[in-house]
C-alpha atoms as a PDB file:
ATOM      1  CA  MET A   1      71.648-183.354  24.773  1.00  0.00           C
ATOM      2  CA  ALA A   2      70.015-181.511  21.789  1.00  0.00           C
ATOM      3  CA  ASN A   3      66.383-180.280  22.089  1.00  0.00           C
ATOM      4  CA  LEU A   4      65.645-180.800  18.191  1.00  0.00           C
ATOM      5  CA  GLU A   5      62.573-180.759  16.137  1.00  0.00           C
ATOM      6  CA  LEU A   6      62.120-181.886  12.987  1.00  0.00           C
ATOM      7  CA  TYR A   7      59.182-181.402  10.742  1.00  0.00           C
ATOM      8  CA  GLU A   8      58.928-184.069   8.077  1.00  0.00           C
ATOM      9  CA  LEU A   9      56.929-185.696   5.567  1.00  0.00           C
ATOM     10  CA  GLU A  10      56.953-189.633   4.933  1.00  0.00           C
ATOM     11  CA  GLY A  11      58.751-190.274   2.085  1.00  0.00           C
ATOM     12  CA  CYS A  12      60.419-186.986   1.314  1.00  0.00           C
ATOM     13  CA  PRO A  13      64.011-187.424   0.142  1.00  0.00           C
ATOM     14  CA  TYR A  14      65.172-183.983   1.616  1.00  0.00           C
ATOM     15  CA  CYS A  15      63.996-185.119   4.960  1.00  0.00           C
ATOM     16  CA  ALA A  16      65.767-188.366   4.673  1.00  0.00           C
ATOM     17  CA  LYS A  17      68.931-186.557   4.142  1.00  0.00           C
ATOM     18  CA  VAL A  18      68.486-184.228   7.383  1.00  0.00           C
ATOM     19  CA  LYS A  19      67.423-187.535   9.451  1.00  0.00           C
ATOM     20  CA  ARG A  20      70.611-189.271   8.029  1.00  0.00           C
ATOM     21  CA  LYS A  21      72.654-186.531   9.514  1.00  0.00           C
ATOM     22  CA  LEU A  22      70.980-186.583  12.814  1.00  0.00           C
ATOM     23  CA  ASP A  23      71.444-190.437  13.134  1.00  0.00           C
ATOM     24  CA  GLU A  24      75.189-189.956  11.715  1.00  0.00           C
ATOM     25  CA  LEU A  25      75.596-187.569  14.906  1.00  0.00           C
ATOM     26  CA  ASP A  26      73.956-189.604  17.198  1.00  0.00           C
ATOM     27  CA  LEU A  27      71.343-186.926  17.737  1.00  0.00           C
ATOM     28  CA  GLU A  28      67.931-187.229  19.492  1.00  0.00           C
ATOM     29  CA  TYR A  29      64.960-185.312  18.245  1.00  0.00           C
ATOM     30  CA  GLU A  30      61.354-184.752  17.802  1.00  0.00           C
ATOM     31  CA  SER A  31      59.520-185.712  14.753  1.00  0.00           C
ATOM     32  CA  HIS A  32      56.549-183.912  13.582  1.00  0.00           C
ATOM     33  CA  MET A  33      55.038-185.691  10.888  1.00  0.00           C
ATOM     34  CA  VAL A  34      53.277-182.830   8.405  1.00  0.00           C
ATOM     35  CA  PRO A  35      50.036-183.434   6.264  1.00  0.00           C
ATOM     36  CA  ARG A  36      50.951-184.096   2.630  1.00  0.00           C
ATOM     37  CA  SER A  37      48.637-181.271   1.671  1.00  0.00           C
ATOM     38  CA  HIS A  38      50.649-177.926   1.708  1.00  0.00           C
ATOM     39  CA  SER A  39      47.276-175.921   2.803  1.00  0.00           C
ATOM     40  CA  GLU A  40      47.012-178.035   5.966  1.00  0.00           C
ATOM     41  CA  ARG A  41      50.512-177.620   6.990  1.00  0.00           C
ATOM     42  CA  THR A  42      49.648-174.592   9.501  1.00  0.00           C
ATOM     43  CA  GLU A  43      51.949-175.931  12.317  1.00  0.00           C
ATOM     44  CA  VAL A  44      55.170-175.945  10.047  1.00  0.00           C
ATOM     45  CA  GLU A  45      54.027-172.569   8.389  1.00  0.00           C
ATOM     46  CA  ALA A  46      53.702-170.986  12.056  1.00  0.00           C
ATOM     47  CA  VAL A  47      57.301-172.226  12.875  1.00  0.00           C
ATOM     48  CA  SER A  48      58.838-171.259   9.636  1.00  0.00           C
ATOM     49  CA  GLY A  49      56.549-168.901   7.829  1.00  0.00           C
ATOM     50  CA  GLN A  50      56.521-171.566   4.527  1.00  0.00           C
ATOM     51  CA  THR A  51      54.964-174.933   4.208  1.00  0.00           C
ATOM     52  CA  GLY A  52      57.677-176.742   2.882  1.00  0.00           C
ATOM     53  CA  VAL A  53      59.691-179.714   4.587  1.00  0.00           C
ATOM     54  CA  PRO A  54      62.102-180.630   6.052  1.00  0.00           C
ATOM     55  CA  VAL A  55      62.077-177.585   8.985  1.00  0.00           C
ATOM     56  CA  LEU A  56      64.553-177.974  11.751  1.00  0.00           C
ATOM     57  CA  VAL A  57      64.062-176.337  15.339  1.00  0.00           C
ATOM     58  CA  ASP A  58      66.868-176.031  17.807  1.00  0.00           C
ATOM     59  CA  GLU A  59      65.918-173.985  21.006  1.00  0.00           C
ATOM     60  CA  GLU A  60      68.906-174.430  22.564  1.00  0.00           C
ATOM     61  CA  HIS A  61      70.869-172.500  19.684  1.00  0.00           C
ATOM     62  CA  ASP A  62      67.691-170.032  19.167  1.00  0.00           C
ATOM     63  CA  VAL A  63      66.922-171.960  15.659  1.00  0.00           C
ATOM     64  CA  GLU A  64      63.262-171.168  15.365  1.00  0.00           C
ATOM     65  CA  GLY A  65      62.180-172.808  12.151  1.00  0.00           C
ATOM     66  CA  MET A  66      65.309-173.581   9.726  1.00  0.00           C
ATOM     67  CA  PRO A  67      64.064-174.657   6.187  1.00  0.00           C
ATOM     68  CA  GLU A  68      66.052-176.370   3.408  1.00  0.00           C
ATOM     69  CA  SER A  69      67.861-179.831   3.957  1.00  0.00           C
ATOM     70  CA  ASP A  70      71.098-178.565   2.387  1.00  0.00           C
ATOM     71  CA  ASP A  71      71.295-175.751   5.267  1.00  0.00           C
ATOM     72  CA  ILE A  72      69.823-177.817   7.847  1.00  0.00           C
ATOM     73  CA  VAL A  73      72.826-180.630   7.278  1.00  0.00           C
ATOM     74  CA  ALA A  74      75.266-177.798   7.179  1.00  0.00           C
ATOM     75  CA  TYR A  75      74.166-176.179  10.436  1.00  0.00           C
ATOM     76  CA  LEU A  76      73.850-179.708  12.316  1.00  0.00           C
ATOM     77  CA  GLU A  77      77.567-180.492  11.222  1.00  0.00           C
ATOM     78  CA  GLU A  78      78.962-176.953  12.310  1.00  0.00           C
ATOM     79  CA  THR A  79      76.874-177.104  15.580  1.00  0.00           C
ATOM     80  CA  TYR A  80      77.129-180.689  16.472  1.00  0.00           C
ATOM     81  CA  ALA A  81      79.876-182.596  14.695  1.00  0.00           C
END
């Protein structure tokens, strides 16, 4: 079983793209909703070094904070498909 965490924002189309891929691959993940204000996103900034979402954490494969939805989708396909 994958040990995945996704930092996301409600209504974010880039986050939705990643969630669709996670669902398509039938992967379980823990969701972390971040505040709408970038200045309040200290948790995601600590993980990834930036405040944008989505951000994926995959401890099993030493991914500590991968940003960018296209990169995350490609990683998920490569690693779990």
